[in-house]
């Protein structure tokens, strides 16, 4: 099985990590779980519970102890067994951690199963183990992550010896004593066929490096420098940790998302439009810079806005426009209205020619942009938090057609004035953060962690942290 690693990640804000206690504390305090009247536990049901917890590595939860009650030698009464069952069931059903405590903003819909009733029914039927396992995501992607995680920890989570960096760039045709170690890592990641590799950096190796660089969001020039060596030096433990974190993120999500929706993967800066349960479109987006991160939230698109105006947020006004003077405002088609700076409609408006109006208290939405060149970048974490959509006009027309308001949209967009076209059905949008995706063969590949958000989840799951690449860019503009 190929267990590869990509850099720049499927399918606002400086978000600070809240105090959430140790992994064991988190496991011992399931959210929204009410202990029912104590049922009777048979030895068979108790054995199934212990067996399920003993195999928690299947879900990347082997670093969490779930209290000493999981110890096969510990005497348990019915009350303790019930508490333990609800705790572990909650971890699989909704996540072992609470994302609203890990992130300042997290409003994605989460599962809300009735664990009390589920446990009571399972005890009566004598199938506690089957019930517990049914609570985790049941889709193929989750199973593939589980298999990859188990394979990595079976290997001991180790990796190849570190490949020492130097100030000299390694270019195709050069000889270097590190080449055999580099080749070994490329083979391990699945980019290079196994074979005998000497000290010469061959054309075949360079092609493999180019593919890896493209996956990781590095310019695919085949030249091995510091960034490329950083990826090659990632260990099996790094990959296992990333997979466990992304399994946890999948457990946070509702099991039956709306069949028609828009998913934006912030880490990968990609949008996927689902229509009636099928992928109808996918395209690039630009999302927030690490210091103005796009938050993980769920929020519907309620209308399309043609030729939008933009009222400059106070934060951008203070940090980036204050003191610029009247000539700056004229150049950017900005005026003062009711004590606020407003950029008027036009092709140079920072929102472009269409805004996808969304309902949320954080002023986060999708929109067009005049800065089309940003979509050519591989790492596209460059905005102030909103999501800029590639060919936004084409996407707006697609949505308008699918929602039966194409005529109204074409009429509105044909003018030069701000106009609103209400959608007959709000389209749910999920802003997700997923750093493990799947390649064309369906194998898991780990992209970069541009915001460093994996660490806070990994720590709560009991892992050591670190090992991922970070987005580092100095691009700035006044757009949202």
Protein backbone atom coordinates (compact mmCIF):
# COMPACT_ATOMS: atom_id res chain seq x y z
CA UNK A 1 0.00 0.00 0.00
CA UNK A 2 1.24 3.44 -0.83
CA UNK A 3 1.29 5.74 2.16
CA UNK A 4 2.56 8.92 0.57
CA UNK A 5 2.84 12.48 1.78
CA UNK A 6 1.80 15.62 -0.13
CA UNK A 7 2.44 19.24 0.83
CA UNK A 8 -0.14 21.95 0.47
CA UNK A 9 -3.52 19.72 1.58
CA UNK A 10 -9.60 15.40 0.10
CA UNK A 11 -11.94 15.95 0.80
CA UNK A 12 -9.95 34.73 11.26
CA UNK A 13 -8.81 35.24 13.15
CA UNK A 14 -5.85 34.07 15.09
CA UNK A 15 -7.32 30.84 16.44
CA UNK A 16 -5.74 30.04 19.79
CA UNK A 17 -5.65 26.63 21.44
CA UNK A 18 -7.98 26.48 24.43
CA UNK A 19 -7.04 24.66 27.61
CA UNK A 20 -8.51 21.21 27.11
CA UNK A 21 -6.68 19.05 29.65
CA UNK A 22 -4.76 15.88 29.02
CA UNK A 23 -5.75 13.16 26.59
CA UNK A 24 -6.91 10.96 29.44
CA UNK A 25 -8.98 13.79 30.91
CA UNK A 26 -10.59 14.43 27.54
CA UNK A 27 -11.42 10.76 27.12
CA UNK A 28 -12.98 10.60 30.56
CA UNK A 29 -15.39 13.48 29.92
CA UNK A 30 -17.58 12.74 26.88
CA UNK A 31 -19.62 15.66 25.61
CA UNK A 32 -23.41 15.58 25.94
CA UNK A 33 -23.51 12.08 27.39
CA UNK A 34 -26.03 11.33 30.12
CA UNK A 35 -25.51 8.12 32.05
CA UNK A 36 -28.77 6.15 32.04
CA UNK A 37 -30.19 4.14 34.90
CA UNK A 38 -27.57 1.51 35.39
CA UNK A 39 -28.36 -1.51 33.22
CA UNK A 40 -27.17 -5.00 33.89
CA UNK A 41 -23.92 -5.96 32.21
CA UNK A 42 -23.32 -9.56 31.26
CA UNK A 43 -19.79 -10.93 31.12
CA UNK A 44 -20.17 -11.27 27.36
CA UNK A 45 -21.10 -7.61 26.87
CA UNK A 46 -18.32 -6.49 29.21
CA UNK A 47 -15.86 -8.60 27.23
CA UNK A 48 -17.03 -7.01 23.98
CA UNK A 49 -16.50 -3.54 25.44
CA UNK A 50 -13.00 -4.39 26.61
CA UNK A 51 -12.16 -5.91 23.23
CA UNK A 52 -13.41 -2.82 21.40
CA UNK A 53 -11.26 -0.52 23.51
CA UNK A 54 -8.28 -2.84 23.20
CA UNK A 55 -8.51 -2.41 19.42
CA UNK A 56 -8.84 1.39 19.52
CA UNK A 57 -5.76 1.74 17.32
CA UNK A 58 -8.15 0.95 14.46
CA UNK A 59 -9.41 4.50 15.02
CA UNK A 60 -6.07 6.12 15.78
CA UNK A 61 -6.97 6.34 19.46
CA UNK A 62 -4.29 4.08 20.89
CA UNK A 63 -2.55 7.02 22.61
CA UNK A 64 -5.65 7.60 24.75
CA UNK A 65 -6.14 5.43 27.81
CA UNK A 66 -9.86 5.96 28.43
CA UNK A 67 -9.16 5.69 32.12
CA UNK A 68 -7.85 2.79 34.13
CA UNK A 69 -11.27 1.18 33.74
CA UNK A 70 -10.11 -0.18 30.37
CA UNK A 71 -7.54 -2.36 32.14
CA UNK A 72 -8.71 -5.97 31.74
CA UNK A 73 -7.63 -6.66 35.29
CA UNK A 74 -9.57 -3.82 36.86
CA UNK A 75 -12.78 -4.82 38.67
CA UNK A 76 -15.75 -2.98 37.17
CA UNK A 77 -19.27 -2.64 38.44
CA UNK A 78 -22.20 -1.87 36.16
CA UNK A 79 -21.90 1.88 36.71
CA UNK A 80 -18.23 1.98 35.70
CA UNK A 81 -18.86 -0.22 32.67
CA UNK A 82 -21.66 2.09 31.57
CA UNK A 83 -19.51 5.18 32.00
CA UNK A 84 -16.65 3.59 30.10
CA UNK A 85 -18.95 2.43 27.29
CA UNK A 86 -20.49 5.88 26.86
CA UNK A 87 -17.07 7.52 26.93
CA UNK A 88 -15.62 5.32 24.21
CA UNK A 89 -18.85 5.34 22.20
CA UNK A 90 -18.80 9.14 22.31
CA UNK A 91 -15.22 9.19 21.04
CA UNK A 92 -16.21 7.18 17.96
CA UNK A 93 -19.55 8.87 17.43
CA UNK A 94 -18.55 12.54 17.79
CA UNK A 95 -14.79 12.56 18.30
CA UNK A 96 -12.57 12.00 21.30
CA UNK A 97 -11.91 15.75 21.42
CA UNK A 98 -14.17 18.79 21.29
CA UNK A 99 -13.24 21.03 18.34
CA UNK A 100 -15.09 23.98 19.89
CA UNK A 101 -12.52 23.87 22.70
CA UNK A 102 -9.55 23.40 20.38
CA UNK A 103 -10.48 26.28 18.06
CA UNK A 104 -11.90 29.71 18.73
CA UNK A 105 -14.34 29.18 15.86
CA UNK A 106 -15.80 25.80 14.94
CA UNK A 107 -19.43 25.67 13.81
CA UNK A 108 -19.55 22.68 11.47
CA UNK A 109 -22.54 20.43 12.18
CA UNK A 110 -21.58 17.49 14.40
CA UNK A 111 -23.25 14.12 14.98
CA UNK A 112 -25.82 13.97 17.78
CA UNK A 113 -26.55 10.28 18.37
CA UNK A 114 -28.63 9.10 21.30
CA UNK A 115 -25.93 7.13 23.06
CA UNK A 116 -28.11 6.32 26.06
CA UNK A 117 -30.67 4.52 23.96
CA UNK A 118 -28.06 2.94 21.73
CA UNK A 119 -26.21 1.42 24.67
CA UNK A 120 -29.41 0.18 26.30
CA UNK A 121 -30.51 -1.50 23.07
CA UNK A 122 -27.05 -3.02 22.53
CA UNK A 123 -26.97 -4.45 26.05
CA UNK A 124 -30.36 -6.06 25.57
CA UNK A 125 -29.32 -7.52 22.21
CA UNK A 126 -25.92 -8.62 23.48
CA UNK A 127 -24.05 -6.82 20.69
CA UNK A 128 -22.22 -4.01 22.47
CA UNK A 129 -19.11 -4.49 20.34
CA UNK A 130 -21.01 -4.27 17.05
CA UNK A 131 -22.88 -1.16 18.24
CA UNK A 132 -19.71 0.62 19.32
CA UNK A 133 -17.96 -0.02 16.00
CA UNK A 134 -21.04 1.18 14.08
CA UNK A 135 -20.64 4.65 15.59
CA UNK A 136 -17.44 5.51 13.71
CA UNK A 137 -17.61 6.73 10.10
CA UNK A 138 -18.41 3.80 7.83
CA UNK A 139 -17.19 5.16 4.50
CA UNK A 140 -14.31 3.81 2.42
CA UNK A 141 -12.03 6.78 3.09
CA UNK A 142 -12.18 6.27 6.84
CA UNK A 143 -11.41 2.57 6.41
CA UNK A 144 -8.44 3.41 4.18
CA UNK A 145 -7.08 5.82 6.79
CA UNK A 146 -7.50 3.15 9.43
CA UNK A 147 -5.61 0.58 7.36
CA UNK A 148 -2.81 3.06 6.66
CA UNK A 149 -2.51 3.97 10.32
CA UNK A 150 -2.35 0.34 11.43
CA UNK A 151 0.32 -0.38 8.80
CA UNK A 152 2.44 2.51 10.03
CA UNK A 153 2.27 1.64 13.72
CA UNK A 154 3.01 -1.99 12.86
CA UNK A 155 6.26 -0.70 11.39
CA UNK A 156 6.93 0.98 14.71
CA UNK A 157 6.28 4.45 13.33
CA UNK A 158 9.92 4.74 12.39
CA UNK A 159 11.42 6.46 9.40
CA UNK A 160 14.63 6.55 7.48
CA UNK A 161 17.66 8.19 9.02
CA UNK A 162 17.65 11.97 8.70
CA UNK A 163 19.11 13.27 5.43
CA UNK A 164 21.41 16.08 6.41
CA UNK A 165 20.78 19.46 4.76
CA UNK A 166 23.58 21.47 3.18
CA UNK A 167 23.87 24.90 1.60
CA UNK A 168 24.40 23.25 -1.79
CA UNK A 169 21.33 22.57 -3.91
CA UNK A 170 21.24 19.05 -5.31
CA UNK A 171 20.45 19.22 -9.03
CA UNK A 172 19.90 16.44 -11.58
CA UNK A 173 23.17 14.93 -12.77
CA UNK A 174 25.09 15.77 -9.61
CA UNK A 175 26.65 13.17 -7.32
CA UNK A 176 26.11 13.29 -3.57
CA UNK A 177 26.51 10.77 -0.73
CA UNK A 178 22.93 11.51 0.38
CA UNK A 179 21.41 10.26 -2.88
CA UNK A 180 20.92 6.63 -1.76
CA UNK A 181 19.04 7.78 1.34
CA UNK A 182 16.93 10.18 -0.75
CA UNK A 183 16.14 7.35 -3.18
CA UNK A 184 15.13 5.09 -0.31
CA UNK A 185 12.65 7.67 0.96
CA UNK A 186 11.23 8.23 -2.52
CA UNK A 187 10.72 4.48 -2.83
CA UNK A 188 9.08 4.34 0.61
CA UNK A 189 6.71 7.16 -0.34
CA UNK A 190 5.80 5.41 -3.60
CA UNK A 191 7.29 7.97 -5.99
CA UNK A 192 10.19 5.81 -7.20
CA UNK A 193 10.47 2.16 -8.15
CA UNK A 194 12.68 0.02 -5.99
CA UNK A 195 16.12 -0.75 -7.32
CA UNK A 196 19.80 -0.05 -6.88
CA UNK A 197 20.55 3.66 -6.62
CA UNK A 198 24.06 4.99 -6.41
CA UNK A 199 25.33 8.44 -5.55
CA UNK A 200 24.25 10.04 -8.82
CA UNK A 201 21.03 12.07 -8.85
CA UNK A 202 19.45 10.57 -11.96
CA UNK A 203 16.77 11.86 -14.30
CA UNK A 204 14.35 9.20 -13.00
CA UNK A 205 14.88 10.39 -9.44
CA UNK A 206 14.43 13.99 -10.52
CA UNK A 207 11.06 13.14 -12.08
CA UNK A 208 10.02 11.46 -8.84
CA UNK A 209 11.11 14.52 -6.87
CA UNK A 210 9.17 16.80 -9.21
CA UNK A 211 6.00 14.78 -8.62
CA UNK A 212 6.54 14.90 -4.87
CA UNK A 213 7.26 18.63 -4.95
CA UNK A 214 4.03 19.24 -6.86
CA UNK A 215 2.14 17.17 -4.29
CA UNK A 216 3.64 19.14 -1.43
CA UNK A 217 3.17 22.58 -2.90
CA UNK A 218 6.81 23.23 -3.78
CA UNK A 219 7.87 24.48 -7.20
CA UNK A 220 8.36 21.22 -9.15
CA UNK A 221 11.83 21.92 -10.50
CA UNK A 222 13.49 18.68 -9.36
CA UNK A 223 16.07 20.62 -7.35
CA UNK A 224 16.49 19.30 -3.81
CA UNK A 225 16.85 22.05 -1.25
CA UNK A 226 15.76 22.59 2.32
CA UNK A 227 11.99 22.38 1.75
CA UNK A 228 12.23 19.15 -0.22
CA UNK A 229 14.55 17.58 2.35
CA UNK A 230 12.10 18.53 5.08
CA UNK A 231 9.46 16.40 3.38
CA UNK A 232 11.83 13.50 2.77
CA UNK A 233 12.77 13.54 6.45
CA UNK A 234 9.20 13.09 7.68
CA UNK A 235 9.03 9.87 9.62
CA UNK A 236 6.47 7.13 9.83
CA UNK A 237 5.46 8.63 13.17
CA UNK A 238 4.74 11.96 11.45
CA UNK A 239 2.55 10.26 8.88
CA UNK A 240 0.74 8.17 11.47
CA UNK A 241 0.01 11.25 13.57
CA UNK A 242 -1.41 13.14 10.58
CA UNK A 243 -3.66 10.20 9.70
CA UNK A 244 -4.93 9.87 13.29
CA UNK A 245 -5.72 13.58 13.37
CA UNK A 246 -7.68 13.41 10.14
CA UNK A 247 -9.63 10.36 11.34
CA UNK A 248 -10.60 12.45 14.35
CA UNK A 249 -11.72 15.29 12.07
CA UNK A 250 -13.89 12.84 10.16
CA UNK A 251 -15.51 11.72 13.42
CA UNK A 252 -16.39 15.36 14.17
CA UNK A 253 -18.48 15.57 11.00
CA UNK A 254 -22.11 14.59 10.55
CA UNK A 255 -22.45 11.19 8.88
CA UNK A 256 -25.16 12.30 6.44
CA UNK A 257 -24.14 15.72 5.07
CA UNK A 258 -26.57 17.45 2.69
CA UNK A 259 -26.54 15.84 -0.76
CA UNK A 260 -26.29 19.30 -2.31
CA UNK A 261 -23.55 21.34 -0.68
CA UNK A 262 -20.24 23.10 -1.18
CA UNK A 263 -17.18 21.79 0.67
CA UNK A 264 -14.07 23.95 0.86
CA UNK A 265 -10.91 22.25 2.07
CA UNK A 266 -9.00 25.12 3.63
CA UNK A 267 -5.74 23.17 3.91
CA UNK A 268 -5.75 22.22 0.22
CA UNK A 269 -7.40 25.47 -0.96
CA UNK A 270 -9.88 23.49 -3.09
CA UNK A 271 -13.65 23.72 -3.49
CA UNK A 272 -15.93 20.78 -4.25
CA UNK A 273 -19.55 21.32 -5.30
CA UNK A 274 -21.84 18.38 -4.59
CA UNK A 275 -25.18 18.20 -6.37
CA UNK A 276 -27.67 15.49 -5.37
CA UNK A 277 -24.89 13.36 -3.91
CA UNK A 278 -22.55 13.60 -6.91
CA UNK A 279 -19.52 15.84 -7.46
CA UNK A 280 -20.66 18.46 -9.97
CA UNK A 281 -17.59 20.71 -9.91
CA UNK A 282 -14.23 21.25 -8.26
CA UNK A 283 -11.95 24.28 -8.48
CA UNK A 284 -9.18 26.22 -6.80
CA UNK A 285 -9.78 28.78 -4.11
CA UNK A 286 -7.66 31.25 -2.15
CA UNK A 287 -8.13 31.11 1.62
CA UNK A 288 -6.84 32.96 4.66
CA UNK A 289 -3.21 33.48 5.53
CA UNK A 290 -2.04 31.73 8.70
CA UNK A 291 -2.40 34.94 10.72
CA UNK A 292 -5.89 35.60 9.29
CA UNK A 293 -6.98 31.99 9.02
CA UNK A 294 -10.24 30.94 7.41
CA UNK A 295 -12.22 29.31 10.22
CA UNK A 296 -13.85 25.91 10.20
CA UNK A 297 -17.52 26.69 9.96
CA UNK A 298 -20.79 25.72 8.37
CA UNK A 299 -22.78 28.49 6.72
CA UNK A 300 -25.26 28.56 3.82
CA UNK A 301 -25.12 30.64 0.65
CA UNK A 302 -28.44 32.48 0.55
CA UNK A 303 -27.98 34.80 -2.43
CA UNK A 304 -25.70 35.76 -5.29
CA UNK A 305 -24.60 39.39 -5.33
CA UNK A 306 -23.73 40.84 -8.74
CA UNK A 307 -21.29 43.77 -8.88
CA UNK A 308 -20.89 43.87 -5.08
CA UNK A 309 -19.68 46.82 -3.08
CA UNK A 310 -17.35 46.19 -0.17
CA UNK A 311 -17.52 47.91 3.18
CA UNK A 312 -13.96 47.77 4.47
CA UNK A 313 -13.72 45.98 7.84
CA UNK A 314 -12.45 48.17 10.66
CA UNK A 315 -9.42 45.91 11.15
CA UNK A 316 -8.29 46.31 7.54
CA UNK A 317 -9.09 50.03 7.65
CA UNK A 318 -6.87 50.50 10.71
CA UNK A 319 -3.98 48.29 9.64
CA UNK A 320 -3.78 48.86 5.90
CA UNK A 321 -5.67 51.99 4.82
CA UNK A 322 -5.35 54.48 7.69
CA UNK A 323 -3.29 57.46 6.65
CA UNK A 324 -3.33 56.62 2.93
CA UNK A 325 -5.10 59.84 1.94
CA UNK A 326 -7.79 60.82 -0.57
CA UNK A 327 -5.72 59.94 -3.66
CA UNK A 328 -5.40 56.34 -2.48
CA UNK A 329 -9.16 56.11 -2.00
CA UNK A 330 -9.79 57.51 -5.49
CA UNK A 331 -7.37 55.07 -7.11
CA UNK A 332 -9.17 52.17 -5.47
CA UNK A 333 -12.68 53.50 -6.16
CA UNK A 334 -13.35 53.99 -2.44
CA UNK A 335 -15.59 56.54 -0.78
CA UNK A 336 -16.68 57.40 2.74
CA UNK A 337 -20.27 56.45 3.60
CA UNK A 338 -21.77 56.85 7.06
CA UNK A 339 -18.35 56.85 8.66
CA UNK A 340 -17.12 53.74 6.83
CA UNK A 341 -14.90 53.28 3.78
CA UNK A 342 -16.79 51.56 0.96
CA UNK A 343 -15.25 50.25 -2.25
CA UNK A 344 -17.74 50.77 -5.05
CA UNK A 345 -18.77 48.23 -7.67
CA UNK A 346 -16.50 47.51 -10.60
CA UNK A 347 -14.08 44.97 -12.05
CA UNK A 348 -11.32 46.20 -9.70
CA UNK A 349 -13.45 45.80 -6.59
CA UNK A 350 -11.71 43.48 -4.13
CA UNK A 351 -14.76 41.19 -4.22
CA UNK A 352 -14.63 41.06 -8.01
CA UNK A 353 -17.91 40.83 -9.86
CA UNK A 354 -19.76 38.36 -7.64
CA UNK A 355 -20.16 37.69 -3.94
CA UNK A 356 -21.69 34.48 -2.62
CA UNK A 357 -23.57 35.90 0.34
CA UNK A 358 -23.46 33.65 3.40
CA UNK A 359 -25.13 33.75 6.80
CA UNK A 360 -22.69 33.65 9.70
CA UNK A 361 -21.59 36.06 12.45
CA UNK A 362 -17.96 36.08 11.31
CA UNK A 363 -18.32 37.95 7.97
CA UNK A 364 -16.89 34.98 6.08
CA UNK A 365 -18.08 34.37 2.53
CA UNK A 366 -17.02 33.24 -0.95
CA UNK A 367 -16.31 35.82 -3.64
CA UNK A 368 -14.61 36.70 -6.91
CA UNK A 369 -11.30 38.58 -7.08
CA UNK A 370 -9.42 40.73 -9.57
CA UNK A 371 -6.16 39.08 -8.42
CA UNK A 372 -6.50 36.09 -10.75
CA UNK A 373 -2.77 35.33 -10.61
CA UNK A 374 -3.15 33.95 -7.09
CA UNK A 375 -4.89 30.87 -8.42
CA UNK A 376 -1.66 29.86 -10.16
CA UNK A 377 0.07 29.51 -6.79
CA UNK A 378 0.23 26.03 -5.28
CA UNK A 379 -0.04 27.24 -1.72
CA UNK A 380 -3.02 29.57 -1.77
CA UNK A 381 -3.35 30.68 1.85
CA UNK A 382 -3.20 34.41 1.04
CA UNK A 383 -6.43 36.19 1.99
CA UNK A 384 -7.74 37.94 5.09
CA UNK A 385 -10.02 34.99 5.84
CA UNK A 386 -12.68 34.94 3.14
CA UNK A 387 -12.60 32.45 0.26
CA UNK A 388 -11.81 33.65 -3.27
CA UNK A 389 -13.14 31.39 -6.00
CA UNK A 390 -11.45 30.66 -9.32
CA UNK A 391 -13.71 31.65 -12.25
CA UNK A 392 -16.27 32.87 -9.74
CA UNK A 393 -18.57 34.20 -12.47
CA UNK A 394 -18.70 30.78 -14.09
CA UNK A 395 -19.39 29.18 -10.73
CA UNK A 396 -22.15 31.69 -9.97
CA UNK A 397 -23.80 30.95 -13.31
CA UNK A 398 -23.59 27.22 -12.57
CA UNK A 399 -25.30 27.66 -9.19
CA UNK A 400 -27.92 30.00 -10.65
CA UNK A 401 -28.73 27.49 -13.38
CA UNK A 402 -28.97 24.61 -10.93
CA UNK A 403 -31.21 26.65 -8.63
CA UNK A 404 -33.51 27.86 -11.43
CA UNK A 405 -32.61 31.56 -11.24
CA UNK A 406 -30.31 31.82 -14.24
CA UNK A 407 -32.41 34.49 -15.99
CA UNK A 408 -32.46 36.66 -12.89
CA UNK A 409 -28.72 36.23 -12.42
CA UNK A 410 -27.87 37.09 -16.02
CA UNK A 411 -30.04 40.20 -15.83
CA UNK A 412 -28.38 41.29 -12.57
CA UNK A 413 -24.83 40.61 -13.71
CA UNK A 414 -25.46 42.43 -16.99
CA UNK A 415 -25.68 45.75 -15.18
CA UNK A 416 -23.00 47.74 -13.39
CA UNK A 417 -24.98 48.09 -10.17
CA UNK A 418 -24.99 45.98 -7.04
CA UNK A 419 -27.89 43.53 -7.32
CA UNK A 420 -29.02 40.61 -5.16
CA UNK A 421 -30.42 37.34 -6.52
CA UNK A 422 -31.92 35.26 -3.75
CA UNK A 423 -31.52 31.51 -4.09
CA UNK A 424 -34.79 29.56 -3.69
CA UNK A 425 -32.89 27.02 -1.58
CA UNK A 426 -29.92 27.97 0.59
CA UNK A 427 -26.83 25.93 -0.33
CA UNK A 428 -24.92 24.65 2.72
CA UNK A 429 -21.19 25.40 2.75
CA UNK A 430 -18.71 23.53 4.91
CA UNK A 431 -15.27 25.08 5.44
CA UNK A 432 -13.20 22.03 6.37
CA UNK A 433 -9.56 21.46 7.23
CA UNK A 434 -8.27 18.15 5.88
CA UNK A 435 -4.57 17.42 5.45
CA UNK A 436 -4.86 13.78 4.40
CA UNK A 437 -6.46 13.22 1.01
CA UNK A 438 -6.53 10.40 -1.51
CA UNK A 439 -4.65 10.02 -4.78
CA UNK A 440 -6.00 8.77 -8.11
CA UNK A 441 -5.59 5.19 -6.92
CA UNK A 442 -7.54 5.93 -3.72
CA UNK A 443 -4.49 5.72 -1.46
CA UNK A 444 -4.07 8.20 1.42
CA UNK A 445 -1.56 10.98 0.91
CA UNK A 446 -0.67 13.57 3.53
CA UNK A 447 -0.50 17.20 2.51
CA UNK A 448 1.00 20.09 4.38
CA UNK A 449 -0.55 21.58 7.49
CA UNK A 450 -0.55 25.26 6.48
CA UNK A 451 -2.01 26.62 9.72
CA UNK A 452 -0.29 24.17 12.06
CA UNK A 453 -3.71 23.05 13.29
CA UNK A 454 -2.77 19.37 13.32
CA UNK A 455 -0.63 19.89 16.41
CA UNK A 456 -3.42 20.96 18.72
CA UNK A 457 -5.58 17.98 17.72
CA UNK A 458 -2.64 15.57 17.90
CA UNK A 459 -1.71 16.79 21.37
CA UNK A 460 -5.28 16.23 22.59
CA UNK A 461 -5.12 12.69 21.18
CA UNK A 462 -1.92 12.00 23.12
CA UNK A 463 0.67 12.41 20.33
CA UNK A 464 3.91 14.30 20.31
CA UNK A 465 3.57 17.31 18.01
CA UNK A 466 5.54 18.72 15.13
CA UNK A 467 6.85 17.48 11.81
CA UNK A 468 4.62 19.27 9.31
CA UNK A 469 5.40 22.00 6.79
CA UNK A 470 3.93 25.45 7.24
CA UNK A 471 2.80 27.99 4.72
CA UNK A 472 5.16 30.92 4.74
CA UNK A 473 4.24 33.82 2.44
CA UNK A 474 4.40 37.56 2.66
CA UNK A 475 1.70 38.32 0.10
CA UNK A 476 -0.78 40.95 1.22
CA UNK A 477 -3.61 42.96 -0.31
CA UNK A 478 -6.64 44.80 1.02
CA UNK A 479 -9.18 42.18 -0.01
CA UNK A 480 -11.15 40.18 2.58
